[in-house]
Every structure is written in structure tokens, then in C-alpha cells.
Amino acid sequence: MNLGEFLRKKRLEKGLSLREVARQTNISHVHIGAIERGESATTFDKTYKLLNLYGTTYEELKKETGFCLIQNSFSDPTLNPNVLDLVQELNKLTSEEINEVANVLKKVLSLYILSHGPKTKVVGL
């Protein structure tokens, strides 16, 4: 089973239409359909929104599909090897642990930016 098939299965188990999912997640119903058919990629953020709406977990996604959101989000071979090492470690964590690590990293990055002046910019903070 691939990511799209998994998401479609979970949506149908909840009895939700594409338009209802779109309304609740603010993701286009056309895009959701394309993800389900394997015609479009998705982001970490959008996938988590869908998993939460469907009442399922990242762990279940990994178990049923072998899909790793973090690994797929960082597939660029030109990435710093240290980032790739971190990604491998993150893939071992649960959803809750990933959220905790993300919150800590946001705080650390904010402090780094404060100490290094306004020239440093971190996207998403």
C-alpha cells in the first residue's frame, strides 16, 4: 500500500468526502484527490493534517506503507550529511517525540537568531 492508498482508505473509513476533508484541512480537494491517486506529492505539514483528521498516526502510516515523511521531505542528495544523520534519527521517533523535538529546535533556533543578529533568518519561525 502506498501513501495515497493509505490516506484514501482512512478518509473512506471516516466517511468523509474530498470536499469535506478540504473544508476541514484547508487543502484543495483536487490536491487531496491527486495525492490519493499518486499523481501529486504532499508536504510533511499537509500529511500530518490529514492523519490527524482521520484519527490515525504517523506510526500507523509507517507500519502500513513503509513511508517515511521526514526521509521523503529531505531526499535532496546535496543536503549536509549532518542533516541527513538527524533525519535518520528522527525517523526512529514517535509522532509525539517528533513534535517535542520540533518545539525544542524552534526555541534553540530563536535563541540562535537573537544572539547572531537580524542577518540570520530561519523560515517558519
Protein backbone atom coordinates (compact mmCIF):
# COMPACT_ATOMS: atom_id res chain seq x y z
CA MET A 1 0.00 0.00 0.00
CA ASN A 2 1.35 3.45 -0.86
CA LEU A 3 0.76 6.79 0.87
CA GLY A 4 -2.17 7.80 -1.36
CA GLU A 5 -3.94 4.46 -0.94
CA PHE A 6 -3.47 4.65 2.82
CA LEU A 7 -4.89 8.19 3.01
CA ARG A 8 -7.85 7.29 0.79
CA LYS A 9 -8.60 4.21 2.91
CA LYS A 10 -8.53 6.27 6.12
CA ARG A 11 -10.72 9.00 4.59
CA LEU A 12 -13.32 6.48 3.47
CA GLU A 13 -13.25 4.73 6.85
CA LYS A 14 -14.24 8.08 8.38
CA GLY A 15 -16.97 8.52 5.76
CA LEU A 16 -15.55 11.83 4.56
CA SER A 17 -15.80 13.27 1.07
CA LEU A 18 -12.85 15.03 -0.56
CA ARG A 19 -14.69 18.34 -0.23
CA GLU A 20 -15.35 17.78 3.49
CA VAL A 21 -11.67 16.98 4.08
CA ALA A 22 -10.71 20.07 2.08
CA ARG A 23 -13.00 22.23 4.20
CA GLN A 24 -11.59 20.89 7.46
CA THR A 25 -7.91 20.98 6.46
CA ASN A 26 -7.76 23.95 4.10
CA ILE A 27 -6.16 21.70 1.46
CA SER A 28 -7.71 21.74 -2.01
CA HIS A 29 -9.99 18.76 -2.71
CA VAL A 30 -8.32 18.49 -6.13
CA HIS A 31 -4.90 18.24 -4.46
CA ILE A 32 -6.13 15.66 -1.93
CA GLY A 33 -7.53 13.54 -4.76
CA ALA A 34 -4.25 13.80 -6.66
CA ILE A 35 -2.32 12.72 -3.55
CA GLU A 36 -4.63 9.74 -3.11
CA ARG A 37 -4.13 8.73 -6.75
CA GLY A 38 -0.35 9.14 -6.50
CA GLU A 39 -0.36 11.99 -9.02
CA SER A 40 0.90 14.66 -6.65
CA ALA A 41 3.41 14.90 -3.84
CA THR A 42 2.48 16.21 -0.44
CA THR A 43 4.25 18.02 2.36
CA PHE A 44 5.01 16.97 5.90
CA ASP A 45 2.52 19.55 7.20
CA LYS A 46 -0.35 18.54 4.90
CA THR A 47 0.14 14.85 5.60
CA TYR A 48 0.00 15.48 9.35
CA LYS A 49 -3.23 17.48 8.92
CA LEU A 50 -4.79 14.55 7.06
CA LEU A 51 -3.53 11.96 9.56
CA ASN A 52 -4.95 13.99 12.45
CA LEU A 53 -8.32 14.45 10.75
CA TYR A 54 -8.54 10.73 10.00
CA GLY A 55 -7.67 9.86 13.60
CA THR A 56 -4.57 7.90 12.67
CA THR A 57 -0.89 8.23 13.47
CA TYR A 58 2.42 8.60 11.72
CA GLU A 59 3.41 5.25 13.26
CA GLU A 60 0.45 3.53 11.58
CA LEU A 61 1.34 5.19 8.27
CA LYS A 62 4.94 3.93 8.53
CA LYS A 63 3.80 0.44 9.55
CA GLU A 64 1.27 0.01 6.74
CA THR A 65 3.17 1.71 3.93
CA GLY A 66 6.85 1.94 4.91
CA PHE A 67 6.57 5.63 4.01
CA CYS A 68 8.84 7.99 5.96
CA LEU A 69 7.63 11.57 5.80
CA ILE A 70 10.87 13.01 7.06
CA GLN A 71 13.10 11.00 4.75
CA ASN A 72 10.96 11.84 1.72
CA SER A 73 10.96 15.51 2.67
CA PHE A 74 14.77 15.55 2.69
CA SER A 75 15.62 13.45 -0.35
CA ASP A 76 17.95 16.05 -1.91
CA PRO A 77 21.41 14.39 -2.16
CA THR A 78 23.14 17.76 -1.80
CA LEU A 79 21.97 18.17 1.79
CA ASN A 80 24.54 18.44 4.51
CA PRO A 81 25.37 14.95 5.84
CA ASN A 82 24.68 16.16 9.39
CA VAL A 83 21.10 16.95 8.38
CA LEU A 84 20.70 13.51 6.84
CA ASP A 85 22.00 11.90 10.06
CA LEU A 86 19.43 13.87 12.05
CA VAL A 87 16.68 12.79 9.66
CA GLN A 88 17.61 9.14 10.20
CA GLU A 89 17.37 9.62 13.96
CA LEU A 90 14.03 11.43 13.68
CA ASN A 91 12.60 8.52 11.71
CA LYS A 92 13.08 6.36 14.81
CA LEU A 93 10.82 8.59 16.92
CA THR A 94 7.08 8.57 17.51
CA SER A 95 4.85 11.44 16.39
CA GLU A 96 4.79 12.86 19.92
CA GLU A 97 8.56 12.72 20.20
CA ILE A 98 8.98 14.42 16.81
CA ASN A 99 6.66 17.22 17.94
CA GLU A 100 8.65 17.64 21.17
CA VAL A 101 11.94 17.78 19.24
CA ALA A 102 10.45 20.31 16.80
CA ASN A 103 9.36 22.58 19.66
CA VAL A 104 12.82 22.42 21.25
CA LEU A 105 14.50 23.16 17.91
CA LYS A 106 12.27 26.18 17.32
CA LYS A 107 13.32 27.58 20.71
CA VAL A 108 17.01 26.88 20.05
CA LEU A 109 16.82 28.48 16.60
CA SER A 110 15.07 31.54 18.01
CA LEU A 111 17.85 31.95 20.59
CA TYR A 112 20.47 31.47 17.88
CA ILE A 113 18.88 34.18 15.75
CA LEU A 114 18.70 36.54 18.72
CA SER A 115 22.38 36.02 19.51
CA HIS A 116 23.59 36.33 15.91
CA GLY A 117 21.62 39.37 14.84
CA PRO A 118 18.98 40.08 12.24
CA LYS A 119 21.04 38.83 9.25
CA THR A 120 20.17 35.25 10.19
CA LYS A 121 16.73 34.20 9.04
CA VAL A 122 15.07 30.86 9.74
CA VAL A 123 12.00 30.00 7.69
CA GLY A 124 8.90 29.10 9.67
CA LEU A 125 9.72 30.99 12.85
